[in-house]
């Protein structure tokens, strides 16, 4: 099963689409010894991840339009039986290669929330998404919500779409390690009780909404917030809000946490708070549930799908509703336990083996029996 992949994000993105791509290739390789990936990307030798894929075939291109057009000849010469665009795109002219194609659509945020994107970016994205969903034999959506968006905005046939959620790092399924937890608590000077935010600090993720909710609570009703994530201008706005709301002693920013230290952060937290305005899926939500930690998240976009019965769902634009959920969860240990238990059972449907076998089945449907 020789499958070609657009590996730009795999080699060059540290979060989001890069994590999705790396986990997908590694999980499929672990599930099927006949899986033979071919990774197409520019500047592979400059990637910090290049040494992780030395056992796989990698094809390195060059030139400004190689990924968009030039890669076609390399795909044709590679002997691939199928090509998968892992991040919304397929090369122009891929039909001429004569092999089946699959594309993953993660979200249509720029269509649903256009104010978050410059006009030029929206036109480029729309052109690429429209082309890839039109020519692909199968479109993979990472949630049913993205599937619905795709049918609404682009008229893609439901028969052409498969929903396969993103995979997650197996680290989050490991049992808690008390020594590791103690080391992490000491290293980052974490309080005994805290809420947790994980993700890039961008306007769409709505960290400011959490800070507004904290500010609306009486000081005696607050518990600290630990923020893991980096950002630019919006992060600066949030840090300024911390000062304005006088929350300096209650908000802890941790911008560079190694991946292996993330599970203890989740495991020791009272809950993850993830009031994003829009998500294609919401990986931090399932990471939290795998760690048996409850979640407060948005009642919109794909987040109810990711959280299932393991979360309190709120309107992300209503700081008072979020504050009420924070206060309720902080005061009710039985509710915390119930949400964690139900969430941990629910999230098993997103095991890497389940998702990987579903994806392999999609590939095999196009290959000779």
Foldseek 3Di string as FASTA:
>chain_A
DEEEEACALCFPPPDDLVVLVVLLVVLLVVQDVVYAYEYEEAPNVVGPCNVVQPVHHYDYDDDPCCQQEVCLVVVLPPPHQEYEYSEQADHPPNVVSVHAYEYEYLADCCVVPVVVDDPVVSVVSVVGNLVCLVRHQAYEAQFVLRVVVCCVPNVRDPVRYDYFHGADDCLLLDADDVVLLVVLCVVQVPDQEEEEEEDAQDVQQQPVLQLLLQLPDDPVLDAAYEYEHYYDPSVVVSVVSCVVSVVVVRYGYDHDDDPNSVLSVLLSYLEYEGAGNEGSADVVLLSSLSSLWAYEYAPDRRDCVQQPQLYHHDHSVDSNRVSVRSSVSVVDVPNRNVSSVVRNVVSVCNHSVNSSVVVVVVVVVRDDD
